[in-house]
PDB file of N, CA and C in Angstrom:
ATOM      1  N   MET A   1       0.692  -1.086  -0.146  1.00  0.00           N
ATOM      2  CA  MET A   1       0.210  -0.080  -0.139  1.00  0.00           C
ATOM      3  C   MET A   1       1.146   1.326  -0.029  1.00  0.00           C
ATOM      4  N   PRO A   2       0.754   2.295  -0.837  1.00  0.00           N
ATOM      5  CA  PRO A   2       1.327   3.321  -1.137  1.00  0.00           C
ATOM      6  C   PRO A   2       1.506   4.407   0.383  1.00  0.00           C
ATOM      7  N   LEU A   3       2.599   4.962   0.700  1.00  0.00           N
ATOM      8  CA  LEU A   3       2.056   5.969   1.915  1.00  0.00           C
ATOM      9  C   LEU A   3       1.179   7.318   2.407  1.00  0.00           C
ATOM     10  N   THR A   4       1.162   7.272   0.989  1.00  0.00           N
ATOM     11  CA  THR A   4      -0.583   8.099   0.419  1.00  0.00           C
ATOM     12  C   THR A   4      -1.974   7.884   1.353  1.00  0.00           C
ATOM     13  N   SER A   5      -1.526   6.446   0.590  1.00  0.00           N
ATOM     14  CA  SER A   5      -2.985   6.070   1.046  1.00  0.00           C
ATOM     15  C   SER A   5      -2.747   6.023   2.515  1.00  0.00           C
ATOM     16  N   ASN A   6      -1.920   5.168   3.845  1.00  0.00           N
ATOM     17  CA  ASN A   6      -1.551   4.511   4.555  1.00  0.00           C
ATOM     18  C   ASN A   6      -2.176   5.983   5.193  1.00  0.00           C
ATOM     19  N   LEU A   7      -1.111   7.436   4.868  1.00  0.00           N
ATOM     20  CA  LEU A   7      -1.361   8.797   5.412  1.00  0.00           C
ATOM     21  C   LEU A   7      -2.782   8.955   5.623  1.00  0.00           C
ATOM     22  N   LEU A   8      -3.786   9.216   4.225  1.00  0.00           N
ATOM     23  CA  LEU A   8      -5.029   9.099   4.656  1.00  0.00           C
ATOM     24  C   LEU A   8      -5.649   8.555   5.098  1.00  0.00           C
ATOM     25  N   ILE A   9      -5.294   6.668   5.429  1.00  0.00           N
ATOM     26  CA  ILE A   9      -5.961   6.137   6.625  1.00  0.00           C
ATOM     27  C   ILE A   9      -6.272   6.571   7.890  1.00  0.00           C
ATOM     28  N   LEU A  10      -4.826   7.437   8.428  1.00  0.00           N
ATOM     29  CA  LEU A  10      -4.372   7.620   9.653  1.00  0.00           C
ATOM     30  C   LEU A  10      -4.934   8.625  10.429  1.00  0.00           C
ATOM     31  N   ILE A  11      -5.317   9.357   8.404  1.00  0.00           N
ATOM     32  CA  ILE A  11      -6.085  11.418   8.992  1.00  0.00           C
ATOM     33  C   ILE A  11      -7.051  10.390   9.152  1.00  0.00           C
ATOM     34  N   ILE A  12      -8.040  10.299   8.433  1.00  0.00           N
ATOM     35  CA  ILE A  12      -9.734   9.654   8.729  1.00  0.00           C
ATOM     36  C   ILE A  12      -9.651   9.209  10.267  1.00  0.00           C
ATOM     37  N   THR A  13      -9.152   8.190  10.593  1.00  0.00           N
ATOM     38  CA  THR A  13      -8.678   7.592  11.517  1.00  0.00           C
ATOM     39  C   THR A  13      -9.100   8.506  13.029  1.00  0.00           C
ATOM     40  N   GLY A  14      -7.672   9.567  12.218  1.00  0.00           N
ATOM     41  CA  GLY A  14      -7.555  10.887  13.536  1.00  0.00           C
ATOM     42  C   GLY A  14      -8.711  11.339  13.519  1.00  0.00           C
ATOM     43  N   ILE A  15     -10.014  11.880  12.438  1.00  0.00           N
ATOM     44  CA  ILE A  15     -11.133  12.875  12.492  1.00  0.00           C
ATOM     45  C   ILE A  15     -11.807  12.005  13.192  1.00  0.00           C
ATOM     46  N   LEU A  16     -12.260  10.556  13.360  1.00  0.00           N
ATOM     47  CA  LEU A  16     -12.951   9.655  13.818  1.00  0.00           C
ATOM     48  C   LEU A  16     -12.733   9.097  15.124  1.00  0.00           C
ATOM     49  N   THR A  17     -11.116   9.762  15.301  1.00  0.00           N
ATOM     50  CA  THR A  17     -11.396   9.827  16.674  1.00  0.00           C
ATOM     51  C   THR A  17     -11.615  11.213  17.309  1.00  0.00           C
ATOM     52  N   LEU A  18     -11.941  11.957  17.095  1.00  0.00           N
ATOM     53  CA  LEU A  18     -11.629  13.184  17.659  1.00  0.00           C
ATOM     54  C   LEU A  18     -13.038  13.347  17.860  1.00  0.00           C
ATOM     55  N   VAL A  19     -13.844  12.997  17.263  1.00  0.00           N
ATOM     56  CA  VAL A  19     -15.015  13.273  17.062  1.00  0.00           C
ATOM     57  C   VAL A  19     -16.099  12.444  18.331  1.00  0.00           C
ATOM     58  N   GLY A  20     -15.170  10.505  18.277  1.00  0.00           N
ATOM     59  CA  GLY A  20     -16.003   9.805  19.522  1.00  0.00           C
ATOM     60  C   GLY A  20     -15.067  10.248  20.587  1.00  0.00           C
ATOM     61  N   ASN A  21     -14.490  11.202  20.568  1.00  0.00           N
ATOM     62  CA  ASN A  21     -14.011  11.461  21.821  1.00  0.00           C
ATOM     63  C   ASN A  21     -14.738  12.678  22.836  1.00  0.00           C
ATOM     64  N   PHE A  22     -14.834  13.494  21.050  1.00  0.00           N
ATOM     65  CA  PHE A  22     -15.615  14.758  21.452  1.00  0.00           C
ATOM     66  C   PHE A  22     -17.371  13.887  22.450  1.00  0.00           C
ATOM     67  N   VAL A  23     -17.836  13.637  21.349  1.00  0.00           N
ATOM     68  CA  VAL A  23     -19.554  12.921  21.806  1.00  0.00           C
ATOM     69  C   VAL A  23     -19.560  11.656  22.527  1.00  0.00           C
ATOM     70  N   GLY A  24     -18.194  10.963  23.006  1.00  0.00           N
ATOM     71  CA  GLY A  24     -18.203  10.011  24.064  1.00  0.00           C
ATOM     72  C   GLY A  24     -17.663  10.015  25.478  1.00  0.00           C
ATOM     73  N   PHE A  25     -16.635  10.731  25.132  1.00  0.00           N
ATOM     74  CA  PHE A  25     -16.165  11.678  26.553  1.00  0.00           C
ATOM     75  C   PHE A  25     -15.819  13.726  26.963  1.00  0.00           C
ATOM     76  N   LYS A  26     -17.505  13.917  25.848  1.00  0.00           N
ATOM     77  CA  LYS A  26     -16.987  15.221  25.777  1.00  0.00           C
ATOM     78  C   LYS A  26     -15.088  16.388  26.244  1.00  0.00           C
ATOM     79  N   VAL A  27     -14.740  15.395  25.180  1.00  0.00           N
ATOM     80  CA  VAL A  27     -13.207  16.266  25.083  1.00  0.00           C
ATOM     81  C   VAL A  27     -12.796  16.776  24.073  1.00  0.00           C
ATOM     82  N   SER A  28     -12.962  18.663  24.021  1.00  0.00           N
ATOM     83  CA  SER A  28     -13.117  18.920  22.944  1.00  0.00           C
ATOM     84  C   SER A  28     -11.749  18.800  22.070  1.00  0.00           C
ATOM     85  N   PRO A  29     -12.382  18.521  20.687  1.00  0.00           N
ATOM     86  CA  PRO A  29     -11.139  18.207  19.438  1.00  0.00           C
ATOM     87  C   PRO A  29     -10.065  19.232  19.564  1.00  0.00           C
ATOM     88  N   LEU A  30      -9.985  20.384  20.429  1.00  0.00           N
ATOM     89  CA  LEU A  30      -8.923  21.460  19.828  1.00  0.00           C
ATOM     90  C   LEU A  30      -8.200  20.297  21.126  1.00  0.00           C
ATOM     91  N   GLU A  31      -8.665  20.151  21.934  1.00  0.00           N
ATOM     92  CA  GLU A  31      -7.978  20.006  23.035  1.00  0.00           C
ATOM     93  C   GLU A  31      -7.220  18.432  22.994  1.00  0.00           C
ATOM     94  N   ALA A  32      -7.828  17.222  21.787  1.00  0.00           N
ATOM     95  CA  ALA A  32      -7.454  16.574  21.458  1.00  0.00           C
ATOM     96  C   ALA A  32      -6.681  15.798  20.496  1.00  0.00           C
ATOM     97  N   MET A  33      -6.737  17.452  19.617  1.00  0.00           N
ATOM     98  CA  MET A  33      -5.928  17.794  18.493  1.00  0.00           C
ATOM     99  C   MET A  33      -3.948  17.221  18.451  1.00  0.00           C
ATOM    100  N   PRO A  34      -3.868  17.938  19.912  1.00  0.00           N
ATOM    101  CA  PRO A  34      -2.255  17.564  19.818  1.00  0.00           C
ATOM    102  C   PRO A  34      -2.219  16.503  19.354  1.00  0.00           C
ATOM    103  N   GLY A  35      -2.689  15.797  20.450  1.00  0.00           N
ATOM    104  CA  GLY A  35      -2.533  13.927  21.085  1.00  0.00           C
ATOM    105  C   GLY A  35      -2.858  12.975  20.363  1.00  0.00           C
ATOM    106  N   VAL A  36      -3.474  13.915  19.055  1.00  0.00           N
ATOM    107  CA  VAL A  36      -3.812  13.306  17.847  1.00  0.00           C
ATOM    108  C   VAL A  36      -3.061  13.043  16.615  1.00  0.00           C
ATOM    109  N   LEU A  37      -2.513  13.889  16.391  1.00  0.00           N
ATOM    110  CA  LEU A  37      -1.196  14.371  15.654  1.00  0.00           C
ATOM    111  C   LEU A  37      -0.116  13.410  16.440  1.00  0.00           C
ATOM    112  N   ILE A  38       0.499  14.157  16.808  1.00  0.00           N
ATOM    113  CA  ILE A  38       1.381  13.106  17.894  1.00  0.00           C
ATOM    114  C   ILE A  38       1.061  11.432  17.569  1.00  0.00           C
ATOM    115  N   LEU A  39       0.032  10.662  17.410  1.00  0.00           N
ATOM    116  CA  LEU A  39      -0.306   9.117  17.409  1.00  0.00           C
ATOM    117  C   LEU A  39      -0.556   9.071  16.304  1.00  0.00           C
ATOM    118  N   ILE A  40      -0.558  10.235  15.364  1.00  0.00           N
ATOM    119  CA  ILE A  40      -0.068   9.544  13.716  1.00  0.00           C
ATOM    120  C   ILE A  40       0.888  10.108  13.579  1.00  0.00           C
ATOM    121  N   THR A  41       1.736  10.945  13.366  1.00  0.00           N
ATOM    122  CA  THR A  41       2.527  11.120  13.502  1.00  0.00           C
ATOM    123  C   THR A  41       3.569   9.607  14.052  1.00  0.00           C
ATOM    124  N   ILE A  42       3.854   9.437  15.208  1.00  0.00           N
ATOM    125  CA  ILE A  42       3.809   7.584  15.299  1.00  0.00           C
ATOM    126  C   ILE A  42       4.096   6.850  14.958  1.00  0.00           C
ATOM    127  N   ALA A  43       2.707   6.631  14.288  1.00  0.00           N
ATOM    128  CA  ALA A  43       2.001   5.890  13.605  1.00  0.00           C
ATOM    129  C   ALA A  43       2.906   5.564  12.095  1.00  0.00           C
ATOM    130  N   PHE A  44       2.517   7.244  11.523  1.00  0.00           N
ATOM    131  CA  PHE A  44       3.290   7.123   9.936  1.00  0.00           C
ATOM    132  C   PHE A  44       3.896   7.285   9.821  1.00  0.00           C
ATOM    133  N   VAL A  45       5.550   7.749  10.945  1.00  0.00           N
ATOM    134  CA  VAL A  45       6.909   6.893  10.822  1.00  0.00           C
ATOM    135  C   VAL A  45       7.247   5.352  11.181  1.00  0.00           C
ATOM    136  N   GLY A  46       6.369   4.697  12.194  1.00  0.00           N
ATOM    137  CA  GLY A  46       6.288   2.866  11.606  1.00  0.00           C
ATOM    138  C   GLY A  46       6.013   2.813  10.828  1.00  0.00           C
ATOM    139  N   ILE A  47       5.263   3.199   9.975  1.00  0.00           N
ATOM    140  CA  ILE A  47       4.958   2.416   8.942  1.00  0.00           C
ATOM    141  C   ILE A  47       6.130   2.670   7.609  1.00  0.00           C
ATOM    142  N   LEU A  48       6.779   3.786   8.025  1.00  0.00           N
ATOM    143  CA  LEU A  48       8.045   4.560   7.066  1.00  0.00           C
ATOM    144  C   LEU A  48       8.990   3.264   7.297  1.00  0.00           C
ATOM    145  N   LEU A  49       9.110   3.169   8.495  1.00  0.00           N
ATOM    146  CA  LEU A  49      10.919   2.384   9.051  1.00  0.00           C
ATOM    147  C   LEU A  49       9.898   1.018   8.965  1.00  0.00           C
ATOM    148  N   SER A  50       8.818   1.017   8.634  1.00  0.00           N
ATOM    149  CA  SER A  50       8.497  -0.911   7.784  1.00  0.00           C
ATOM    150  C   SER A  50       9.145  -0.515   5.909  1.00  0.00           C
ATOM    151  N   LYS A  51       9.328   0.525   5.814  1.00  0.00           N
ATOM    152  CA  LYS A  51       9.002   0.341   4.495  1.00  0.00           C
ATOM    153  C   LYS A  51      10.699   0.738   4.103  1.00  0.00           C
ATOM    154  N   ILE A  52      11.461   1.293   4.939  1.00  0.00           N
ATOM    155  CA  ILE A  52      12.980   1.583   4.897  1.00  0.00           C
ATOM    156  C   ILE A  52      13.857   0.468   5.378  1.00  0.00           C
ATOM    157  N   ILE A  53      13.052  -0.405   5.823  1.00  0.00           N
ATOM    158  CA  ILE A  53      14.061  -0.780   6.991  1.00  0.00           C
ATOM    159  C   ILE A  53      14.215  -2.296   6.359  1.00  0.00           C
ATOM    160  N   PRO A  54      14.999  -3.359   5.746  1.00  0.00           N
ATOM    161  CA  PRO A  54      15.061  -4.232   4.787  1.00  0.00           C
ATOM    162  C   PRO A  54      14.598  -5.550   5.132  1.00  0.00           C
ATOM    163  N   ILE A  55      14.638  -5.244   6.699  1.00  0.00           N
ATOM    164  CA  ILE A  55      14.044  -6.590   7.609  1.00  0.00           C
ATOM    165  C   ILE A  55      13.105  -6.647   8.057  1.00  0.00           C
ATOM    166  N   LYS A  56      11.938  -7.459   7.254  1.00  0.00           N
ATOM    167  CA  LYS A  56      10.736  -7.766   6.904  1.00  0.00           C
ATOM    168  C   LYS A  56      10.172  -8.074   8.789  1.00  0.00           C
ATOM    169  N   ILE A  57       9.574  -7.624   8.914  1.00  0.00           N
ATOM    170  CA  ILE A  57       8.618  -7.253  10.910  1.00  0.00           C
ATOM    171  C   ILE A  57       7.257  -5.954  10.246  1.00  0.00           C
ATOM    172  N   PRO A  58       6.301  -6.638  11.028  1.00  0.00           N
ATOM    173  CA  PRO A  58       5.531  -5.996  11.056  1.00  0.00           C
ATOM    174  C   PRO A  58       5.283  -4.404  11.296  1.00  0.00           C
ATOM    175  N   SER A  59       4.552  -3.440  10.338  1.00  0.00           N
ATOM    176  CA  SER A  59       4.613  -2.412  10.959  1.00  0.00           C
ATOM    177  C   SER A  59       4.817  -2.195  11.833  1.00  0.00           C
ATOM    178  N   VAL A  60       3.476  -2.558  12.906  1.00  0.00           N
ATOM    179  CA  VAL A  60       2.857  -2.055  14.135  1.00  0.00           C
ATOM    180  C   VAL A  60       3.930  -2.214  15.286  1.00  0.00           C
ATOM    181  N   ALA A  61       4.764  -3.554  14.421  1.00  0.00           N
ATOM    182  CA  ALA A  61       6.105  -4.262  15.854  1.00  0.00           C
ATOM    183  C   ALA A  61       7.257  -2.436  16.036  1.00  0.00           C
ATOM    184  N   TYR A  62       7.266  -1.487  15.074  1.00  0.00           N
ATOM    185  CA  TYR A  62       8.441  -0.114  14.649  1.00  0.00           C
ATOM    186  C   TYR A  62       7.227   0.365  15.358  1.00  0.00           C
ATOM    187  N   ILE A  63       5.924   0.935  15.530  1.00  0.00           N
ATOM    188  CA  ILE A  63       5.481   1.651  15.350  1.00  0.00           C
ATOM    189  C   ILE A  63       4.947   0.986  17.112  1.00  0.00           C
ATOM    190  N   VAL A  64       4.871   0.162  17.597  1.00  0.00           N
ATOM    191  CA  VAL A  64       5.430  -0.042  19.371  1.00  0.00           C
ATOM    192  C   VAL A  64       6.623   0.038  19.620  1.00  0.00           C
ATOM    193  N   THR A  65       7.169  -0.683  19.022  1.00  0.00           N
ATOM    194  CA  THR A  65       9.144   0.107  19.700  1.00  0.00           C
ATOM    195  C   THR A  65       9.084   1.442  19.728  1.00  0.00           C
ATOM    196  N   LEU A  66       8.376   2.820  18.459  1.00  0.00           N
ATOM    197  CA  LEU A  66       9.286   3.811  18.368  1.00  0.00           C
ATOM    198  C   LEU A  66       8.218   4.549  19.808  1.00  0.00           C
ATOM    199  N   SER A  67       7.336   4.188  19.956  1.00  0.00           N
ATOM    200  CA  SER A  67       5.874   4.953  20.880  1.00  0.00           C
ATOM    201  C   SER A  67       7.028   4.285  21.925  1.00  0.00           C
ATOM    202  N   THR A  68       6.964   3.488  22.565  1.00  0.00           N
ATOM    203  CA  THR A  68       7.750   3.175  23.847  1.00  0.00           C
ATOM    204  C   THR A  68       9.425   3.971  24.081  1.00  0.00           C
ATOM    205  N   ILE A  69       9.916   3.445  22.854  1.00  0.00           N
ATOM    206  CA  ILE A  69      11.638   4.524  23.009  1.00  0.00           C
ATOM    207  C   ILE A  69      10.814   6.550  23.069  1.00  0.00           C
ATOM    208  N   VAL A  70       9.752   7.208  22.926  1.00  0.00           N
ATOM    209  CA  VAL A  70       9.826   8.592  22.309  1.00  0.00           C
ATOM    210  C   VAL A  70       9.148   8.578  24.115  1.00  0.00           C
ATOM    211  N   THR A  71       8.178   7.581  25.059  1.00  0.00           N
ATOM    212  CA  THR A  71       7.628   7.806  26.099  1.00  0.00           C
ATOM    213  C   THR A  71       8.684   7.555  27.361  1.00  0.00           C
ATOM    214  N   ILE A  72      10.214   7.168  27.026  1.00  0.00           N
ATOM    215  CA  ILE A  72      11.011   6.918  28.127  1.00  0.00           C
ATOM    216  C   ILE A  72      10.964   8.330  28.776  1.00  0.00           C
ATOM    217  N   PRO A  73      11.045   7.714  30.440  1.00  0.00           N
ATOM    218  CA  PRO A  73      10.777   8.490  30.657  1.00  0.00           C
ATOM    219  C   PRO A  73      12.356   9.895  30.494  1.00  0.00           C
ATOM    220  N   GLU A  74      13.398   9.321  30.548  1.00  0.00           N
ATOM    221  CA  GLU A  74      14.294   9.730  30.301  1.00  0.00           C
ATOM    222  C   GLU A  74      14.268  10.846  28.984  1.00  0.00           C
ATOM    223  N   MET A  75      13.907  10.212  27.818  1.00  0.00           N
ATOM    224  CA  MET A  75      13.475  10.665  26.700  1.00  0.00           C
ATOM    225  C   MET A  75      13.207  12.459  26.722  1.00  0.00           C
ATOM    226  N   SER A  76      13.745  13.670  25.633  1.00  0.00           N
ATOM    227  CA  SER A  76      13.299  15.356  26.017  1.00  0.00           C
ATOM    228  C   SER A  76      11.485  14.983  25.454  1.00  0.00           C
ATOM    229  N   MET A  77      10.971  13.926  24.762  1.00  0.00           N
ATOM    230  CA  MET A  77       9.856  14.804  24.862  1.00  0.00           C
ATOM    231  C   MET A  77       8.893  13.728  25.228  1.00  0.00           C
ATOM    232  N   ALA A  78       9.216  13.446  26.407  1.00  0.00           N
ATOM    233  CA  ALA A  78       8.041  12.137  26.735  1.00  0.00           C
ATOM    234  C   ALA A  78       7.210  12.673  27.824  1.00  0.00           C
ATOM    235  N   GLU A  79       7.343  13.385  29.488  1.00  0.00           N
ATOM    236  CA  GLU A  79       6.569  14.526  29.239  1.00  0.00           C
ATOM    237  C   GLU A  79       5.332  14.538  28.290  1.00  0.00           C
ATOM    238  N   PHE A  80       5.870  15.300  26.876  1.00  0.00           N
ATOM    239  CA  PHE A  80       4.954  16.466  26.124  1.00  0.00           C
ATOM    240  C   PHE A  80       3.972  15.067  25.424  1.00  0.00           C
ATOM    241  N   ILE A  81       4.296  14.483  25.258  1.00  0.00           N
ATOM    242  CA  ILE A  81       3.738  13.492  24.443  1.00  0.00           C
ATOM    243  C   ILE A  81       2.753  12.826  25.657  1.00  0.00           C
ATOM    244  N   SER A  82       2.722  12.399  26.658  1.00  0.00           N
ATOM    245  CA  SER A  82       2.615  11.766  27.784  1.00  0.00           C
ATOM    246  C   SER A  82       1.366  12.815  28.123  1.00  0.00           C
ATOM    247  N   THR A  83       0.995  13.587  28.284  1.00  0.00           N
ATOM    248  CA  THR A  83       0.481  14.931  28.864  1.00  0.00           C
ATOM    249  C   THR A  83      -0.497  15.425  27.773  1.00  0.00           C
ATOM    250  N   TYR A  84      -0.342  15.107  26.060  1.00  0.00           N
ATOM    251  CA  TYR A  84      -1.543  15.346  25.049  1.00  0.00           C
ATOM    252  C   TYR A  84      -2.077  14.370  24.705  1.00  0.00           C
ATOM    253  N   THR A  85      -1.099  13.517  24.654  1.00  0.00           N
ATOM    254  CA  THR A  85      -2.297  11.297  24.357  1.00  0.00           C
ATOM    255  C   THR A  85      -2.617  11.429  25.122  1.00  0.00           C
ATOM    256  N   ALA A  86      -2.834  11.769  26.628  1.00  0.00           N
ATOM    257  CA  ALA A  86      -3.796  10.885  27.419  1.00  0.00           C
ATOM    258  C   ALA A  86      -5.051  12.475  27.483  1.00  0.00           C
ATOM    259  N   LYS A  87      -4.978  13.136  26.859  1.00  0.00           N
ATOM    260  CA  LYS A  87      -6.436  13.543  27.042  1.00  0.00           C
ATOM    261  C   LYS A  87      -7.657  12.562  25.358  1.00  0.00           C
ATOM    262  N   VAL A  88      -6.125  11.712  24.661  1.00  0.00           N
ATOM    263  CA  VAL A  88      -7.335  10.769  23.560  1.00  0.00           C
ATOM    264  C   VAL A  88      -7.535   9.644  24.735  1.00  0.00           C
ATOM    265  N   ASN A  89      -8.937   9.279  24.611  1.00  0.00           N
ATOM    266  CA  ASN A  89      -9.103   8.116  25.407  1.00  0.00           C
ATOM    267  C   ASN A  89      -9.423   7.241  24.459  1.00  0.00           C
ATOM    268  N   PHE A  90      -8.591   5.768  24.177  1.00  0.00           N
ATOM    269  CA  PHE A  90      -8.511   4.522  23.695  1.00  0.00           C
ATOM    270  C   PHE A  90      -8.706   4.191  23.449  1.00  0.00           C
ATOM    271  N   LEU A  91     -10.040   3.784  24.319  1.00  0.00           N
ATOM    272  CA  LEU A  91     -11.043   3.273  23.631  1.00  0.00           C
ATOM    273  C   LEU A  91     -12.239   3.533  22.226  1.00  0.00           C
ATOM    274  N   VAL A  92     -11.668   5.363  22.383  1.00  0.00           N
ATOM    275  CA  VAL A  92     -12.234   5.422  21.123  1.00  0.00           C
ATOM    276  C   VAL A  92     -11.521   5.196  19.773  1.00  0.00           C
ATOM    277  N   LEU A  93     -10.262   5.161  19.976  1.00  0.00           N
ATOM    278  CA  LEU A  93      -9.485   4.044  19.137  1.00  0.00           C
ATOM    279  C   LEU A  93     -10.193   2.786  18.324  1.00  0.00           C
ATOM    280  N   CYS A  94     -10.390   1.816  19.541  1.00  0.00           N
ATOM    281  CA  CYS A  94     -11.039   0.712  19.127  1.00  0.00           C
ATOM    282  C   CYS A  94     -12.218   1.141  17.072  1.00  0.00           C
ATOM    283  N   THR A  95     -13.199   2.055  17.701  1.00  0.00           N
ATOM    284  CA  THR A  95     -14.457   1.906  17.001  1.00  0.00           C
ATOM    285  C   THR A  95     -13.651   1.864  15.542  1.00  0.00           C
ATOM    286  N   PRO A  96     -13.347   2.674  15.042  1.00  0.00           N
ATOM    287  CA  PRO A  96     -12.367   2.445  13.681  1.00  0.00           C
ATOM    288  C   PRO A  96     -11.753   1.598  13.204  1.00  0.00           C
ATOM    289  N   ILE A  97     -11.025   1.308  14.017  1.00  0.00           N
ATOM    290  CA  ILE A  97      -9.877   0.142  13.913  1.00  0.00           C
ATOM    291  C   ILE A  97     -10.568  -1.240  13.614  1.00  0.00           C
ATOM    292  N   LEU A  98     -11.780  -1.425  14.615  1.00  0.00           N
ATOM    293  CA  LEU A  98     -13.065  -2.785  14.204  1.00  0.00           C
ATOM    294  C   LEU A  98     -13.381  -2.438  13.178  1.00  0.00           C
ATOM    295  N   ALA A  99     -13.813  -1.024  12.529  1.00  0.00           N
ATOM    296  CA  ALA A  99     -14.915  -0.510  11.739  1.00  0.00           C
ATOM    297  C   ALA A  99     -13.393  -0.909  10.112  1.00  0.00           C
ATOM    298  N   TYR A 100     -12.588  -1.097  10.263  1.00  0.00           N
ATOM    299  CA  TYR A 100     -11.834  -1.226   9.180  1.00  0.00           C
ATOM    300  C   TYR A 100     -11.798  -2.723   9.646  1.00  0.00           C
ATOM    301  N   ALA A 101     -11.652  -3.700  10.139  1.00  0.00           N
ATOM    302  CA  ALA A 101     -10.882  -4.811  10.804  1.00  0.00           C
ATOM    303  C   ALA A 101     -12.273  -5.649   9.674  1.00  0.00           C
ATOM    304  N   GLY A 102     -13.745  -4.716  10.496  1.00  0.00           N
ATOM    305  CA  GLY A 102     -14.933  -5.396   9.517  1.00  0.00           C
ATOM    306  C   GLY A 102     -14.683  -5.500   8.193  1.00  0.00           C
ATOM    307  N   ILE A 103     -14.596  -4.362   7.892  1.00  0.00           N
ATOM    308  CA  ILE A 103     -14.639  -4.318   6.453  1.00  0.00           C
ATOM    309  C   ILE A 103     -14.221  -5.156   5.304  1.00  0.00           C
ATOM    310  N   TYR A 104     -12.250  -5.142   5.943  1.00  0.00           N
ATOM    311  CA  TYR A 104     -11.431  -6.308   5.600  1.00  0.00           C
ATOM    312  C   TYR A 104     -11.961  -7.275   5.544  1.00  0.00           C
ATOM    313  N   THR A 105     -12.289  -7.926   6.662  1.00  0.00           N
ATOM    314  CA  THR A 105     -12.995  -9.587   7.124  1.00  0.00           C
ATOM    315  C   THR A 105     -13.787  -9.282   5.900  1.00  0.00           C
ATOM    316  N   GLY A 106     -14.449  -8.848   5.267  1.00  0.00           N
ATOM    317  CA  GLY A 106     -16.540  -9.034   5.006  1.00  0.00           C
ATOM    318  C   GLY A 106     -15.943  -8.967   3.750  1.00  0.00           C
ATOM    319  N   LYS A 107     -14.983  -8.512   2.983  1.00  0.00           N
ATOM    320  CA  LYS A 107     -14.559  -7.470   1.730  1.00  0.00           C
ATOM    321  C   LYS A 107     -14.201  -9.369   1.163  1.00  0.00           C
ATOM    322  N   ASN A 108     -13.181  -9.730   2.052  1.00  0.00           N
ATOM    323  CA  ASN A 108     -12.744 -10.755   1.419  1.00  0.00           C
ATOM    324  C   ASN A 108     -13.296 -12.641   1.996  1.00  0.00           C
ATOM    325  N   MET A 109     -14.192 -12.431   2.284  1.00  0.00           N
ATOM    326  CA  MET A 109     -15.165 -13.711   2.556  1.00  0.00           C
ATOM    327  C   MET A 109     -15.626 -13.954   0.922  1.00  0.00           C
ATOM    328  N   ASP A 110     -15.736 -15.157   1.014  1.00  0.00           N
ATOM    329  CA  ASP A 110     -15.966 -15.919  -0.180  1.00  0.00           C
ATOM    330  C   ASP A 110     -17.764 -15.834  -0.100  1.00  0.00           C
TER     331      ASP A 110
END
């Protein structure tokens, strides 16, 4: 899948997350936007790393590793990242992800 498609999917997921965070948990989209942008950036960089590094490891492994590294307390941006991503309720992220999984599974069923 081209990187532009990955970025588009991440942006759509981010928008759905902002809406769900507002509707379900009454967190203003402007307040949650920095956290969502941080999550989109980490996910996109992880996907980019999976395409650049020649070792065939799923992109989710790069995303998890990257997010773990940037939130180590000794890292300079860890507190900033933790503060803003805490405003995004991660339960809201499940809705678009499960919807994508359902569409993908349904599309591939005979």
